[in-house]
């Protein structure tokens, strides 16, 4: 089966747009710029969010079956914008879907009580 153009992975840069003093950062850690391979700008937000730690991956779920992926700063348009990149910017578009540059912290889930 031949790939359709819309099924090809592209490179996207997620860039913080909110000032450090923006109250929307109160619920999220600043992650800096991240480059991902994804199918679309919307998928780029999902790819970056999937790289973060989720409640369902540890022994501290807020409620059975609930995920914290939707609360990621990468999915917040007030915190991050998504810019499509060209291959001439030094990173090959060929490769697997995922984060290709930048560091996505897995420390996004904070304990509510001190030990």
C-alpha atoms as a PDB file:
ATOM      1  CA  UNK A   1       0.000   0.000   0.000  1.00  0.00           C
ATOM      2  CA  UNK A   2       1.414   3.375  -0.976  1.00  0.00           C
ATOM      3  CA  UNK A   3       1.665   6.184   1.602  1.00  0.00           C
ATOM      4  CA  UNK A   4      -0.619   9.110   1.020  1.00  0.00           C
ATOM      5  CA  UNK A   5       0.998  12.553   1.531  1.00  0.00           C
ATOM      6  CA  UNK A   6      -1.173  13.204   4.612  1.00  0.00           C
ATOM      7  CA  UNK A   7       0.115   9.942   6.181  1.00  0.00           C
ATOM      8  CA  UNK A   8       3.764  11.030   6.094  1.00  0.00           C
ATOM      9  CA  UNK A   9       5.583  12.130   9.185  1.00  0.00           C
ATOM     10  CA  UNK A  10       6.768  15.722   9.315  1.00  0.00           C
ATOM     11  CA  UNK A  11       8.940  17.646  11.738  1.00  0.00           C
ATOM     12  CA  UNK A  12       7.323  20.078  14.167  1.00  0.00           C
ATOM     13  CA  UNK A  13       8.875  22.379  16.744  1.00  0.00           C
ATOM     14  CA  UNK A  14       6.866  23.071  19.891  1.00  0.00           C
ATOM     15  CA  UNK A  15       7.853  26.523  21.121  1.00  0.00           C
ATOM     16  CA  UNK A  16       6.815  28.104  24.440  1.00  0.00           C
ATOM     17  CA  UNK A  17       4.874  31.325  23.812  1.00  0.00           C
ATOM     18  CA  UNK A  18       3.774  32.279  27.320  1.00  0.00           C
ATOM     19  CA  UNK A  19       5.856  34.547  29.527  1.00  0.00           C
ATOM     20  CA  UNK A  20       7.455  32.948  32.570  1.00  0.00           C
ATOM     21  CA  UNK A  21       5.034  34.970  34.734  1.00  0.00           C
ATOM     22  CA  UNK A  22       1.949  33.609  32.921  1.00  0.00           C
ATOM     23  CA  UNK A  23      -0.377  31.943  35.478  1.00  0.00           C
ATOM     24  CA  UNK A  24      -0.968  29.031  33.065  1.00  0.00           C
ATOM     25  CA  UNK A  25       2.532  27.758  33.954  1.00  0.00           C
ATOM     26  CA  UNK A  26       1.260  27.230  37.517  1.00  0.00           C
ATOM     27  CA  UNK A  27      -0.026  23.785  36.564  1.00  0.00           C
ATOM     28  CA  UNK A  28       2.897  22.764  34.360  1.00  0.00           C
ATOM     29  CA  UNK A  29       6.671  22.737  34.303  1.00  0.00           C
ATOM     30  CA  UNK A  30       8.464  24.713  31.614  1.00  0.00           C
ATOM     31  CA  UNK A  31       9.910  22.161  29.165  1.00  0.00           C
ATOM     32  CA  UNK A  32      11.608  24.448  26.634  1.00  0.00           C
ATOM     33  CA  UNK A  33      11.539  23.789  22.890  1.00  0.00           C
ATOM     34  CA  UNK A  34      10.926  20.264  21.641  1.00  0.00           C
ATOM     35  CA  UNK A  35      11.097  18.857  18.098  1.00  0.00           C
ATOM     36  CA  UNK A  36       8.916  15.882  17.193  1.00  0.00           C
ATOM     37  CA  UNK A  37       8.058  13.737  14.184  1.00  0.00           C
ATOM     38  CA  UNK A  38       4.298  13.623  13.809  1.00  0.00           C
ATOM     39  CA  UNK A  39       1.505  13.445  11.246  1.00  0.00           C
ATOM     40  CA  UNK A  40       0.132  16.950  11.913  1.00  0.00           C
ATOM     41  CA  UNK A  41       0.462  19.938  14.221  1.00  0.00           C
ATOM     42  CA  UNK A  42      -2.241  18.476  16.467  1.00  0.00           C
ATOM     43  CA  UNK A  43      -0.469  15.105  16.494  1.00  0.00           C
ATOM     44  CA  UNK A  44       2.779  16.903  17.429  1.00  0.00           C
ATOM     45  CA  UNK A  45       1.129  18.064  20.672  1.00  0.00           C
ATOM     46  CA  UNK A  46       0.019  14.487  21.391  1.00  0.00           C
ATOM     47  CA  UNK A  47       3.503  13.082  20.678  1.00  0.00           C
ATOM     48  CA  UNK A  48       5.128  15.530  23.107  1.00  0.00           C
ATOM     49  CA  UNK A  49       2.478  14.879  25.776  1.00  0.00           C
ATOM     50  CA  UNK A  50       2.967  11.111  25.434  1.00  0.00           C
ATOM     51  CA  UNK A  51       6.644  11.545  26.295  1.00  0.00           C
ATOM     52  CA  UNK A  52       5.689  12.880  29.738  1.00  0.00           C
ATOM     53  CA  UNK A  53       4.997  10.616  32.702  1.00  0.00           C
ATOM     54  CA  UNK A  54       1.332   9.766  33.118  1.00  0.00           C
ATOM     55  CA  UNK A  55      -0.537   8.821  36.302  1.00  0.00           C
ATOM     56  CA  UNK A  56      -1.529   5.524  34.697  1.00  0.00           C
ATOM     57  CA  UNK A  57       2.172   4.571  34.441  1.00  0.00           C
ATOM     58  CA  UNK A  58       2.858   4.788  38.171  1.00  0.00           C
ATOM     59  CA  UNK A  59       1.220   3.601  41.385  1.00  0.00           C
ATOM     60  CA  UNK A  60      -0.676   6.849  41.915  1.00  0.00           C
ATOM     61  CA  UNK A  61      -3.654   7.082  39.651  1.00  0.00           C
ATOM     62  CA  UNK A  62      -6.093   9.930  40.406  1.00  0.00           C
ATOM     63  CA  UNK A  63      -8.905   7.507  39.624  1.00  0.00           C
ATOM     64  CA  UNK A  64      -8.817   4.179  37.873  1.00  0.00           C
ATOM     65  CA  UNK A  65      -8.537   4.542  34.122  1.00  0.00           C
ATOM     66  CA  UNK A  66      -7.947   8.312  34.137  1.00  0.00           C
ATOM     67  CA  UNK A  67      -4.998   9.771  32.302  1.00  0.00           C
ATOM     68  CA  UNK A  68      -3.168  13.054  32.847  1.00  0.00           C
ATOM     69  CA  UNK A  69      -2.047  13.305  29.188  1.00  0.00           C
ATOM     70  CA  UNK A  70      -4.800  15.811  28.332  1.00  0.00           C
ATOM     71  CA  UNK A  71      -3.461  18.199  30.999  1.00  0.00           C
ATOM     72  CA  UNK A  72       0.010  18.442  29.420  1.00  0.00           C
ATOM     73  CA  UNK A  73       1.434  21.926  28.825  1.00  0.00           C
ATOM     74  CA  UNK A  74       2.226  20.823  25.271  1.00  0.00           C
ATOM     75  CA  UNK A  75      -1.508  20.591  24.560  1.00  0.00           C
ATOM     76  CA  UNK A  76      -2.173  24.113  25.873  1.00  0.00           C
ATOM     77  CA  UNK A  77      -2.233  26.674  23.032  1.00  0.00           C
ATOM     78  CA  UNK A  78      -1.640  29.443  25.558  1.00  0.00           C
ATOM     79  CA  UNK A  79       1.685  27.881  26.553  1.00  0.00           C
ATOM     80  CA  UNK A  80       3.017  26.329  23.328  1.00  0.00           C
ATOM     81  CA  UNK A  81       2.717  26.986  19.623  1.00  0.00           C
ATOM     82  CA  UNK A  82       3.527  24.389  16.965  1.00  0.00           C
ATOM     83  CA  UNK A  83       5.648  25.306  13.934  1.00  0.00           C
ATOM     84  CA  UNK A  84       6.181  22.962  10.984  1.00  0.00           C
ATOM     85  CA  UNK A  85       9.880  22.641  10.130  1.00  0.00           C
ATOM     86  CA  UNK A  86      11.582  22.030   6.810  1.00  0.00           C
ATOM     87  CA  UNK A  87      14.137  19.263   6.360  1.00  0.00           C
ATOM     88  CA  UNK A  88      16.732  21.912   5.560  1.00  0.00           C
ATOM     89  CA  UNK A  89      16.829  22.777   9.276  1.00  0.00           C
ATOM     90  CA  UNK A  90      19.208  19.905  10.014  1.00  0.00           C
ATOM     91  CA  UNK A  91      16.945  17.051  11.149  1.00  0.00           C
ATOM     92  CA  UNK A  92      15.767  14.312   8.799  1.00  0.00           C
ATOM     93  CA  UNK A  93      12.021  13.834   8.536  1.00  0.00           C
ATOM     94  CA  UNK A  94      12.549  10.094   8.023  1.00  0.00           C
ATOM     95  CA  UNK A  95      12.323   8.064  11.192  1.00  0.00           C
ATOM     96  CA  UNK A  96       9.820   6.953  13.812  1.00  0.00           C
ATOM     97  CA  UNK A  97       7.028   9.078  15.266  1.00  0.00           C
ATOM     98  CA  UNK A  98       8.265  10.640  18.516  1.00  0.00           C
ATOM     99  CA  UNK A  99      10.468  13.262  20.162  1.00  0.00           C
ATOM    100  CA  UNK A 100      13.675  13.806  18.161  1.00  0.00           C
ATOM    101  CA  UNK A 101      15.189  16.842  19.873  1.00  0.00           C
ATOM    102  CA  UNK A 102      14.836  18.429  23.281  1.00  0.00           C
ATOM    103  CA  UNK A 103      14.217  16.897  26.660  1.00  0.00           C
ATOM    104  CA  UNK A 104      10.745  16.080  27.924  1.00  0.00           C
ATOM    105  CA  UNK A 105      10.800  15.695  31.682  1.00  0.00           C
ATOM    106  CA  UNK A 106       9.202  12.671  33.270  1.00  0.00           C
ATOM    107  CA  UNK A 107       9.067  14.651  36.535  1.00  0.00           C
ATOM    108  CA  UNK A 108       5.810  16.338  35.634  1.00  0.00           C
ATOM    109  CA  UNK A 109       3.842  14.573  38.379  1.00  0.00           C
ATOM    110  CA  UNK A 110       4.506  16.108  41.765  1.00  0.00           C
ATOM    111  CA  UNK A 111       3.643  14.544  45.136  1.00  0.00           C
ATOM    112  CA  UNK A 112       0.957  16.374  47.066  1.00  0.00           C
ATOM    113  CA  UNK A 113       2.455  15.424  50.435  1.00  0.00           C
ATOM    114  CA  UNK A 114       6.017  15.593  51.645  1.00  0.00           C
ATOM    115  CA  UNK A 115       7.521  12.329  52.950  1.00  0.00           C
END
